[in-house]
Amino acid sequence: MRIDSTLPGSGGPSPHVHKFTQVYFETEGETTLTYGLLTYRLPKYSIAIIPPGVVHTNSNKTNAVERHAVLLLNEPADRAEPFDVEVEFKRTAGEPK
């Protein structure tokens, strides 16, 4: 478990996936969670459970610092493998920007 925080108006990591479950528990402020192709507001005391293989990231779109506890469930024992596997979203032809 660790505590992460994001400064006002800044983003977290690039969109990525894990081979394990990740849990966010918002302890202060609010984060915006991108979960697959959907976006959710996570206000204080919210919990988000991100299963293995779901593309996700978070950002702080508010004027205050946010903090959240992070739990990695069934954290991989093999530290040689990367924890975060980055992904890139691409638009299809004719899709609006």
PDB file of N, CA and C in Angstrom:
ATOM      1  N   MET A   1       0.843  -1.172   0.000  1.00  0.00           N
ATOM      2  CA  MET A   1       0.000   0.000   0.000  1.00  0.00           C
ATOM      3  C   MET A   1       0.883   1.227   0.000  1.00  0.00           C
ATOM      4  N   ARG A   2       0.430   2.255  -0.667  1.00  0.00           N
ATOM      5  CA  ARG A   2       1.138   3.533  -0.661  1.00  0.00           C
ATOM      6  C   ARG A   2       0.118   4.658  -0.789  1.00  0.00           C
ATOM      7  N   ILE A   3       0.538   5.860  -0.472  1.00  0.00           N
ATOM      8  CA  ILE A   3      -0.301   7.046  -0.648  1.00  0.00           C
ATOM      9  C   ILE A   3       0.255   7.820  -1.835  1.00  0.00           C
ATOM     10  N   ASP A   4      -0.581   8.092  -2.824  1.00  0.00           N
ATOM     11  CA  ASP A   4      -0.209   8.910  -3.977  1.00  0.00           C
ATOM     12  C   ASP A   4      -0.951  10.224  -3.886  1.00  0.00           C
ATOM     13  N   SER A   5      -0.400  11.248  -4.499  1.00  0.00           N
ATOM     14  CA  SER A   5      -1.109  12.521  -4.571  1.00  0.00           C
ATOM     15  C   SER A   5      -0.848  13.155  -5.924  1.00  0.00           C
ATOM     16  N   THR A   6      -1.790  13.994  -6.339  1.00  0.00           N
ATOM     17  CA  THR A   6      -1.681  14.699  -7.609  1.00  0.00           C
ATOM     18  C   THR A   6      -1.949  16.173  -7.346  1.00  0.00           C
ATOM     19  N   LEU A   7      -1.082  17.028  -7.850  1.00  0.00           N
ATOM     20  CA  LEU A   7      -1.239  18.463  -7.667  1.00  0.00           C
ATOM     21  C   LEU A   7      -2.410  18.986  -8.482  1.00  0.00           C
ATOM     22  N   PRO A   8      -2.964  20.142  -8.098  1.00  0.00           N
ATOM     23  CA  PRO A   8      -4.087  20.711  -8.849  1.00  0.00           C
ATOM     24  C   PRO A   8      -3.754  20.865 -10.334  1.00  0.00           C
ATOM     25  N   GLY A   9      -4.694  20.470 -11.169  1.00  0.00           N
ATOM     26  CA  GLY A   9      -4.559  20.641 -12.610  1.00  0.00           C
ATOM     27  C   GLY A   9      -3.517  19.761 -13.276  1.00  0.00           C
ATOM     28  N   SER A  10      -3.078  18.702 -12.616  1.00  0.00           N
ATOM     29  CA  SER A  10      -2.050  17.855 -13.226  1.00  0.00           C
ATOM     30  C   SER A  10      -2.549  16.431 -13.413  1.00  0.00           C
ATOM     31  N   GLY A  11      -1.828  15.705 -14.224  1.00  0.00           N
ATOM     32  CA  GLY A  11      -2.213  14.330 -14.505  1.00  0.00           C
ATOM     33  C   GLY A  11      -1.364  13.344 -13.748  1.00  0.00           C
ATOM     34  N   GLY A  12      -1.837  12.121 -13.726  1.00  0.00           N
ATOM     35  CA  GLY A  12      -1.087  11.032 -13.122  1.00  0.00           C
ATOM     36  C   GLY A  12      -0.271  10.346 -14.193  1.00  0.00           C
ATOM     37  N   PRO A  13      -0.160   9.043 -14.121  1.00  0.00           N
ATOM     38  CA  PRO A  13       0.620   8.300 -15.104  1.00  0.00           C
ATOM     39  C   PRO A  13      -0.077   8.263 -16.464  1.00  0.00           C
ATOM     40  N   SER A  14       0.660   7.882 -17.481  1.00  0.00           N
ATOM     41  CA  SER A  14       0.058   7.662 -18.802  1.00  0.00           C
ATOM     42  C   SER A  14      -0.922   6.498 -18.684  1.00  0.00           C
ATOM     43  N   PRO A  15      -1.908   6.408 -19.584  1.00  0.00           N
ATOM     44  CA  PRO A  15      -2.822   5.251 -19.537  1.00  0.00           C
ATOM     45  C   PRO A  15      -2.012   3.954 -19.575  1.00  0.00           C
ATOM     46  N   HIS A  16      -2.417   2.998 -18.726  1.00  0.00           N
ATOM     47  CA  HIS A  16      -1.672   1.755 -18.603  1.00  0.00           C
ATOM     48  C   HIS A  16      -2.569   0.643 -18.076  1.00  0.00           C
ATOM     49  N   VAL A  17      -2.039  -0.590 -18.088  1.00  0.00           N
ATOM     50  CA  VAL A  17      -2.736  -1.762 -17.555  1.00  0.00           C
ATOM     51  C   VAL A  17      -1.792  -2.491 -16.605  1.00  0.00           C
ATOM     52  N   HIS A  18      -2.385  -3.350 -15.767  1.00  0.00           N
ATOM     53  CA  HIS A  18      -1.626  -4.196 -14.852  1.00  0.00           C
ATOM     54  C   HIS A  18      -2.096  -5.637 -15.007  1.00  0.00           C
ATOM     55  N   LYS A  19      -1.291  -6.574 -14.485  1.00  0.00           N
ATOM     56  CA  LYS A  19      -1.683  -7.977 -14.416  1.00  0.00           C
ATOM     57  C   LYS A  19      -2.302  -8.312 -13.063  1.00  0.00           C
ATOM     58  N   PHE A  20      -2.535  -7.304 -12.241  1.00  0.00           N
ATOM     59  CA  PHE A  20      -3.084  -7.485 -10.894  1.00  0.00           C
ATOM     60  C   PHE A  20      -4.187  -6.455 -10.664  1.00  0.00           C
ATOM     61  N   THR A  21      -4.953  -6.632  -9.612  1.00  0.00           N
ATOM     62  CA  THR A  21      -6.017  -5.691  -9.262  1.00  0.00           C
ATOM     63  C   THR A  21      -5.417  -4.507  -8.519  1.00  0.00           C
ATOM     64  N   GLN A  22      -5.870  -3.311  -8.877  1.00  0.00           N
ATOM     65  CA  GLN A  22      -5.447  -2.098  -8.187  1.00  0.00           C
ATOM     66  C   GLN A  22      -6.679  -1.455  -7.564  1.00  0.00           C
ATOM     67  N   VAL A  23      -6.535  -0.969  -6.327  1.00  0.00           N
ATOM     68  CA  VAL A  23      -7.640  -0.323  -5.621  1.00  0.00           C
ATOM     69  C   VAL A  23      -7.207   1.084  -5.246  1.00  0.00           C
ATOM     70  N   TYR A  24      -8.067   2.079  -5.558  1.00  0.00           N
ATOM     71  CA  TYR A  24      -7.860   3.460  -5.113  1.00  0.00           C
ATOM     72  C   TYR A  24      -8.857   3.739  -4.002  1.00  0.00           C
ATOM     73  N   PHE A  25      -8.408   4.357  -2.922  1.00  0.00           N
ATOM     74  CA  PHE A  25      -9.296   4.879  -1.887  1.00  0.00           C
ATOM     75  C   PHE A  25      -8.956   6.344  -1.733  1.00  0.00           C
ATOM     76  N   GLU A  26      -9.876   7.206  -2.166  1.00  0.00           N
ATOM     77  CA  GLU A  26      -9.644   8.658  -2.153  1.00  0.00           C
ATOM     78  C   GLU A  26      -9.723   9.165  -0.716  1.00  0.00           C
ATOM     79  N   THR A  27      -8.628   9.759  -0.229  1.00  0.00           N
ATOM     80  CA  THR A  27      -8.578  10.218   1.168  1.00  0.00           C
ATOM     81  C   THR A  27      -8.697  11.733   1.304  1.00  0.00           C
ATOM     82  N   GLU A  28      -8.389  12.459   0.230  1.00  0.00           N
ATOM     83  CA  GLU A  28      -8.447  13.924   0.293  1.00  0.00           C
ATOM     84  C   GLU A  28      -8.677  14.475  -1.106  1.00  0.00           C
ATOM     85  N   GLY A  29      -9.570  15.427  -1.229  1.00  0.00           N
ATOM     86  CA  GLY A  29      -9.826  16.041  -2.528  1.00  0.00           C
ATOM     87  C   GLY A  29     -10.593  15.119  -3.453  1.00  0.00           C
ATOM     88  N   GLU A  30     -10.272  15.205  -4.737  1.00  0.00           N
ATOM     89  CA  GLU A  30     -11.003  14.448  -5.763  1.00  0.00           C
ATOM     90  C   GLU A  30     -10.066  14.137  -6.921  1.00  0.00           C
ATOM     91  N   THR A  31     -10.143  12.930  -7.430  1.00  0.00           N
ATOM     92  CA  THR A  31      -9.398  12.582  -8.633  1.00  0.00           C
ATOM     93  C   THR A  31     -10.385  12.208  -9.725  1.00  0.00           C
ATOM     94  N   THR A  32      -9.964  12.358 -10.959  1.00  0.00           N
ATOM     95  CA  THR A  32     -10.750  11.917 -12.105  1.00  0.00           C
ATOM     96  C   THR A  32     -10.096  10.655 -12.624  1.00  0.00           C
ATOM     97  N   LEU A  33     -10.847   9.573 -12.636  1.00  0.00           N
ATOM     98  CA  LEU A  33     -10.341   8.274 -13.054  1.00  0.00           C
ATOM     99  C   LEU A  33     -10.818   7.965 -14.460  1.00  0.00           C
ATOM    100  N   THR A  34      -9.879   7.715 -15.362  1.00  0.00           N
ATOM    101  CA  THR A  34     -10.213   7.198 -16.681  1.00  0.00           C
ATOM    102  C   THR A  34     -10.106   5.683 -16.568  1.00  0.00           C
ATOM    103  N   TYR A  35     -11.219   5.003 -16.827  1.00  0.00           N
ATOM    104  CA  TYR A  35     -11.355   3.555 -16.647  1.00  0.00           C
ATOM    105  C   TYR A  35     -11.860   3.007 -17.973  1.00  0.00           C
ATOM    106  N   GLY A  36     -10.953   2.393 -18.741  1.00  0.00           N
ATOM    107  CA  GLY A  36     -11.326   1.992 -20.106  1.00  0.00           C
ATOM    108  C   GLY A  36     -11.602   3.245 -20.915  1.00  0.00           C
ATOM    109  N   LEU A  37     -12.785   3.317 -21.517  1.00  0.00           N
ATOM    110  CA  LEU A  37     -13.164   4.498 -22.295  1.00  0.00           C
ATOM    111  C   LEU A  37     -14.076   5.439 -21.503  1.00  0.00           C
ATOM    112  N   LEU A  38     -14.291   5.149 -20.226  1.00  0.00           N
ATOM    113  CA  LEU A  38     -15.181   5.952 -19.388  1.00  0.00           C
ATOM    114  C   LEU A  38     -14.377   6.798 -18.409  1.00  0.00           C
ATOM    115  N   THR A  39     -14.999   7.881 -17.930  1.00  0.00           N
ATOM    116  CA  THR A  39     -14.360   8.767 -16.960  1.00  0.00           C
ATOM    117  C   THR A  39     -15.288   8.950 -15.773  1.00  0.00           C
ATOM    118  N   TYR A  40     -14.714   8.861 -14.568  1.00  0.00           N
ATOM    119  CA  TYR A  40     -15.489   8.986 -13.326  1.00  0.00           C
ATOM    120  C   TYR A  40     -14.825   9.981 -12.387  1.00  0.00           C
ATOM    121  N   ARG A  41     -15.627  10.739 -11.666  1.00  0.00           N
ATOM    122  CA  ARG A  41     -15.164  11.579 -10.560  1.00  0.00           C
ATOM    123  C   ARG A  41     -15.097  10.709  -9.313  1.00  0.00           C
ATOM    124  N   LEU A  42     -13.971  10.753  -8.621  1.00  0.00           N
ATOM    125  CA  LEU A  42     -13.844  10.021  -7.360  1.00  0.00           C
ATOM    126  C   LEU A  42     -13.649  11.038  -6.236  1.00  0.00           C
ATOM    127  N   PRO A  43     -14.743  11.451  -5.581  1.00  0.00           N
ATOM    128  CA  PRO A  43     -14.607  12.388  -4.468  1.00  0.00           C
ATOM    129  C   PRO A  43     -14.057  11.687  -3.226  1.00  0.00           C
ATOM    130  N   LYS A  44     -13.733  12.467  -2.217  1.00  0.00           N
ATOM    131  CA  LYS A  44     -13.205  11.954  -0.954  1.00  0.00           C
ATOM    132  C   LYS A  44     -14.047  10.790  -0.447  1.00  0.00           C
ATOM    133  N   TYR A  45     -13.370   9.756   0.044  1.00  0.00           N
ATOM    134  CA  TYR A  45     -13.942   8.519   0.590  1.00  0.00           C
ATOM    135  C   TYR A  45     -14.520   7.584  -0.470  1.00  0.00           C
ATOM    136  N   SER A  46     -14.219   7.817  -1.741  1.00  0.00           N
ATOM    137  CA  SER A  46     -14.642   6.896  -2.805  1.00  0.00           C
ATOM    138  C   SER A  46     -13.621   5.782  -2.959  1.00  0.00           C
ATOM    139  N   ILE A  47     -14.099   4.639  -3.434  1.00  0.00           N
ATOM    140  CA  ILE A  47     -13.236   3.497  -3.725  1.00  0.00           C
ATOM    141  C   ILE A  47     -13.418   3.117  -5.194  1.00  0.00           C
ATOM    142  N   ALA A  48     -12.308   2.845  -5.870  1.00  0.00           N
ATOM    143  CA  ALA A  48     -12.353   2.333  -7.236  1.00  0.00           C
ATOM    144  C   ALA A  48     -11.546   1.046  -7.271  1.00  0.00           C
ATOM    145  N   ILE A  49     -12.114   0.007  -7.844  1.00  0.00           N
ATOM    146  CA  ILE A  49     -11.423  -1.272  -7.997  1.00  0.00           C
ATOM    147  C   ILE A  49     -11.173  -1.481  -9.486  1.00  0.00           C
ATOM    148  N   ILE A  50      -9.909  -1.608  -9.840  1.00  0.00           N
ATOM    149  CA  ILE A  50      -9.511  -1.728 -11.243  1.00  0.00           C
ATOM    150  C   ILE A  50      -8.982  -3.144 -11.456  1.00  0.00           C
ATOM    151  N   PRO A  51      -9.761  -3.983 -12.157  1.00  0.00           N
ATOM    152  CA  PRO A  51      -9.331  -5.373 -12.378  1.00  0.00           C
ATOM    153  C   PRO A  51      -8.125  -5.451 -13.327  1.00  0.00           C
ATOM    154  N   PRO A  52      -7.448  -6.580 -13.338  1.00  0.00           N
ATOM    155  CA  PRO A  52      -6.333  -6.767 -14.266  1.00  0.00           C
ATOM    156  C   PRO A  52      -6.789  -6.551 -15.712  1.00  0.00           C
ATOM    157  N   GLY A  53      -5.935  -5.911 -16.506  1.00  0.00           N
ATOM    158  CA  GLY A  53      -6.209  -5.748 -17.933  1.00  0.00           C
ATOM    159  C   GLY A  53      -7.059  -4.557 -18.309  1.00  0.00           C
ATOM    160  N   VAL A  54      -7.532  -3.759 -17.339  1.00  0.00           N
ATOM    161  CA  VAL A  54      -8.345  -2.576 -17.660  1.00  0.00           C
ATOM    162  C   VAL A  54      -7.423  -1.365 -17.800  1.00  0.00           C
ATOM    163  N   VAL A  55      -7.496  -0.696 -18.940  1.00  0.00           N
ATOM    164  CA  VAL A  55      -6.701   0.516 -19.166  1.00  0.00           C
ATOM    165  C   VAL A  55      -7.221   1.604 -18.231  1.00  0.00           C
ATOM    166  N   HIS A  56      -6.304   2.303 -17.544  1.00  0.00           N
ATOM    167  CA  HIS A  56      -6.730   3.339 -16.608  1.00  0.00           C
ATOM    168  C   HIS A  56      -5.633   4.374 -16.378  1.00  0.00           C
ATOM    169  N   THR A  57      -6.041   5.504 -15.852  1.00  0.00           N
ATOM    170  CA  THR A  57      -5.151   6.559 -15.373  1.00  0.00           C
ATOM    171  C   THR A  57      -5.981   7.496 -14.511  1.00  0.00           C
ATOM    172  N   ASN A  58      -5.334   8.441 -13.871  1.00  0.00           N
ATOM    173  CA  ASN A  58      -6.072   9.418 -13.076  1.00  0.00           C
ATOM    174  C   ASN A  58      -5.476  10.809 -13.271  1.00  0.00           C
ATOM    175  N   SER A  59      -6.273  11.821 -12.990  1.00  0.00           N
ATOM    176  CA  SER A  59      -5.817  13.208 -13.085  1.00  0.00           C
ATOM    177  C   SER A  59      -6.566  14.050 -12.063  1.00  0.00           C
ATOM    178  N   ASN A  60      -6.022  15.205 -11.772  1.00  0.00           N
ATOM    179  CA  ASN A  60      -6.633  16.126 -10.821  1.00  0.00           C
ATOM    180  C   ASN A  60      -7.112  17.353 -11.583  1.00  0.00           C
ATOM    181  N   LYS A  61      -8.402  17.479 -11.758  1.00  0.00           N
ATOM    182  CA  LYS A  61      -8.982  18.597 -12.510  1.00  0.00           C
ATOM    183  C   LYS A  61      -9.513  19.681 -11.581  1.00  0.00           C
ATOM    184  N   THR A  62      -9.120  19.630 -10.306  1.00  0.00           N
ATOM    185  CA  THR A  62      -9.608  20.595  -9.322  1.00  0.00           C
ATOM    186  C   THR A  62      -8.513  21.608  -8.987  1.00  0.00           C
ATOM    187  N   ASN A  63      -8.831  22.509  -8.064  1.00  0.00           N
ATOM    188  CA  ASN A  63      -7.875  23.525  -7.608  1.00  0.00           C
ATOM    189  C   ASN A  63      -7.205  23.143  -6.294  1.00  0.00           C
ATOM    190  N   ALA A  64      -7.353  21.894  -5.849  1.00  0.00           N
ATOM    191  CA  ALA A  64      -6.787  21.448  -4.576  1.00  0.00           C
ATOM    192  C   ALA A  64      -5.987  20.164  -4.779  1.00  0.00           C
ATOM    193  N   VAL A  65      -5.065  19.920  -3.888  1.00  0.00           N
ATOM    194  CA  VAL A  65      -4.296  18.678  -3.920  1.00  0.00           C
ATOM    195  C   VAL A  65      -5.236  17.511  -3.625  1.00  0.00           C
ATOM    196  N   GLU A  66      -5.022  16.393  -4.284  1.00  0.00           N
ATOM    197  CA  GLU A  66      -5.792  15.180  -3.969  1.00  0.00           C
ATOM    198  C   GLU A  66      -4.824  14.112  -3.503  1.00  0.00           C
ATOM    199  N   ARG A  67      -5.319  13.221  -2.628  1.00  0.00           N
ATOM    200  CA  ARG A  67      -4.513  12.099  -2.154  1.00  0.00           C
ATOM    201  C   ARG A  67      -5.375  10.840  -2.156  1.00  0.00           C
ATOM    202  N   HIS A  68      -4.749   9.727  -2.529  1.00  0.00           N
ATOM    203  CA  HIS A  68      -5.462   8.451  -2.500  1.00  0.00           C
ATOM    204  C   HIS A  68      -4.509   7.334  -2.092  1.00  0.00           C
ATOM    205  N   ALA A  69      -5.050   6.401  -1.331  1.00  0.00           N
ATOM    206  CA  ALA A  69      -4.306   5.198  -0.969  1.00  0.00           C
ATOM    207  C   ALA A  69      -4.418   4.224  -2.135  1.00  0.00           C
ATOM    208  N   VAL A  70      -3.329   3.550  -2.432  1.00  0.00           N
ATOM    209  CA  VAL A  70      -3.296   2.578  -3.527  1.00  0.00           C
ATOM    210  C   VAL A  70      -2.942   1.208  -2.960  1.00  0.00           C
ATOM    211  N   LEU A  71      -3.760   0.231  -3.292  1.00  0.00           N
ATOM    212  CA  LEU A  71      -3.488  -1.155  -2.919  1.00  0.00           C
ATOM    213  C   LEU A  71      -3.263  -1.955  -4.195  1.00  0.00           C
ATOM    214  N   LEU A  72      -2.220  -2.761  -4.216  1.00  0.00           N
ATOM    215  CA  LEU A  72      -1.949  -3.660  -5.335  1.00  0.00           C
ATOM    216  C   LEU A  72      -2.192  -5.069  -4.821  1.00  0.00           C
ATOM    217  N   LEU A  73      -3.238  -5.699  -5.338  1.00  0.00           N
ATOM    218  CA  LEU A  73      -3.633  -7.013  -4.832  1.00  0.00           C
ATOM    219  C   LEU A  73      -3.052  -8.117  -5.704  1.00  0.00           C
ATOM    220  N   ASN A  74      -2.436  -9.046  -5.039  1.00  0.00           N
ATOM    221  CA  ASN A  74      -1.662 -10.092  -5.714  1.00  0.00           C
ATOM    222  C   ASN A  74      -0.532  -9.465  -6.508  1.00  0.00           C
ATOM    223  N   GLU A  75       0.169  -8.556  -5.818  1.00  0.00           N
ATOM    224  CA  GLU A  75       1.317  -7.892  -6.431  1.00  0.00           C
ATOM    225  C   GLU A  75       2.279  -8.935  -6.975  1.00  0.00           C
ATOM    226  N   PRO A  76       2.754  -8.752  -8.213  1.00  0.00           N
ATOM    227  CA  PRO A  76       3.625  -9.767  -8.811  1.00  0.00           C
ATOM    228  C   PRO A  76       4.912  -9.943  -8.015  1.00  0.00           C
ATOM    229  N   ALA A  77       5.293 -11.184  -7.817  1.00  0.00           N
ATOM    230  CA  ALA A  77       6.527 -11.492  -7.098  1.00  0.00           C
ATOM    231  C   ALA A  77       7.745 -11.238  -7.982  1.00  0.00           C
ATOM    232  N   ASP A  78       7.554 -11.378  -9.304  1.00  0.00           N
ATOM    233  CA  ASP A  78       8.649 -11.198 -10.255  1.00  0.00           C
ATOM    234  C   ASP A  78       8.801  -9.713 -10.563  1.00  0.00           C
ATOM    235  N   ARG A  79       9.734  -9.061  -9.921  1.00  0.00           N
ATOM    236  CA  ARG A  79       9.952  -7.618 -10.125  1.00  0.00           C
ATOM    237  C   ARG A  79      10.634  -7.326 -11.454  1.00  0.00           C
ATOM    238  N   ALA A  80      11.029  -8.353 -12.201  1.00  0.00           N
ATOM    239  CA  ALA A  80      11.657  -8.134 -13.502  1.00  0.00           C
ATOM    240  C   ALA A  80      10.633  -7.644 -14.518  1.00  0.00           C
ATOM    241  N   GLU A  81       9.367  -8.037 -14.331  1.00  0.00           N
ATOM    242  CA  GLU A  81       8.311  -7.572 -15.231  1.00  0.00           C
ATOM    243  C   GLU A  81       7.881  -6.173 -14.836  1.00  0.00           C
ATOM    244  N   PRO A  82       7.532  -5.324 -15.812  1.00  0.00           N
ATOM    245  CA  PRO A  82       7.074  -3.971 -15.455  1.00  0.00           C
ATOM    246  C   PRO A  82       5.713  -4.025 -14.761  1.00  0.00           C
ATOM    247  N   PHE A  83       5.506  -3.153 -13.778  1.00  0.00           N
ATOM    248  CA  PHE A  83       4.208  -3.052 -13.117  1.00  0.00           C
ATOM    249  C   PHE A  83       3.184  -2.441 -14.059  1.00  0.00           C
ATOM    250  N   ASP A  84       3.555  -1.341 -14.709  1.00  0.00           N
ATOM    251  CA  ASP A  84       2.657  -0.622 -15.608  1.00  0.00           C
ATOM    252  C   ASP A  84       3.045  -0.914 -17.053  1.00  0.00           C
ATOM    253  N   VAL A  85       2.070  -1.350 -17.853  1.00  0.00           N
ATOM    254  CA  VAL A  85       2.286  -1.525 -19.284  1.00  0.00           C
ATOM    255  C   VAL A  85       1.499  -0.411 -19.955  1.00  0.00           C
ATOM    256  N   GLU A  86       2.219   0.586 -20.506  1.00  0.00           N
ATOM    257  CA  GLU A  86       1.553   1.746 -21.098  1.00  0.00           C
ATOM    258  C   GLU A  86       0.797   1.361 -22.360  1.00  0.00           C
ATOM    259  N   VAL A  87      -0.315   2.082 -22.581  1.00  0.00           N
ATOM    260  CA  VAL A  87      -1.123   1.910 -23.788  1.00  0.00           C
ATOM    261  C   VAL A  87      -1.382   3.277 -24.387  1.00  0.00           C
ATOM    262  N   GLU A  88      -1.683   3.283 -25.678  1.00  0.00           N
ATOM    263  CA  GLU A  88      -1.951   4.529 -26.381  1.00  0.00           C
ATOM    264  C   GLU A  88      -3.336   4.450 -27.000  1.00  0.00           C
ATOM    265  N   PHE A  89      -4.155   5.492 -26.773  1.00  0.00           N
ATOM    266  CA  PHE A  89      -5.460   5.574 -27.407  1.00  0.00           C
ATOM    267  C   PHE A  89      -5.292   6.205 -28.775  1.00  0.00           C
ATOM    268  N   LYS A  90      -5.917   5.608 -29.784  1.00  0.00           N
ATOM    269  CA  LYS A  90      -5.876   6.161 -31.139  1.00  0.00           C
ATOM    270  C   LYS A  90      -7.292   6.379 -31.612  1.00  0.00           C
ATOM    271  N   ARG A  91      -7.488   7.425 -32.400  1.00  0.00           N
ATOM    272  CA  ARG A  91      -8.802   7.713 -32.971  1.00  0.00           C
ATOM    273  C   ARG A  91      -8.970   6.941 -34.265  1.00  0.00           C
ATOM    274  N   THR A  92     -10.207   6.569 -34.577  1.00  0.00           N
ATOM    275  CA  THR A  92     -10.486   5.924 -35.856  1.00  0.00           C
ATOM    276  C   THR A  92     -10.745   7.004 -36.889  1.00  0.00           C
ATOM    277  N   ALA A  93     -10.645   6.640 -38.164  1.00  0.00           N
ATOM    278  CA  ALA A  93     -10.875   7.598 -39.250  1.00  0.00           C
ATOM    279  C   ALA A  93     -12.253   8.219 -39.121  1.00  0.00           C
ATOM    280  N   GLY A  94     -12.336   9.531 -39.216  1.00  0.00           N
ATOM    281  CA  GLY A  94     -13.598  10.226 -39.169  1.00  0.00           C
ATOM    282  C   GLY A  94     -14.105  10.513 -37.758  1.00  0.00           C
ATOM    283  N   GLU A  95     -13.417  10.023 -36.723  1.00  0.00           N
ATOM    284  CA  GLU A  95     -13.840  10.280 -35.345  1.00  0.00           C
ATOM    285  C   GLU A  95     -13.448  11.704 -34.971  1.00  0.00           C
ATOM    286  N   PRO A  96     -14.360  12.461 -34.347  1.00  0.00           N
ATOM    287  CA  PRO A  96     -14.020  13.836 -33.970  1.00  0.00           C
ATOM    288  C   PRO A  96     -12.947  13.873 -32.888  1.00  0.00           C
ATOM    289  N   LYS A  97     -12.146  14.920 -32.896  1.00  0.00           N
ATOM    290  CA  LYS A  97     -11.081  15.086 -31.902  1.00  0.00           C
ATOM    291  C   LYS A  97     -11.630  15.645 -30.612  1.00  0.00           C
TER     292      LYS A  97
END
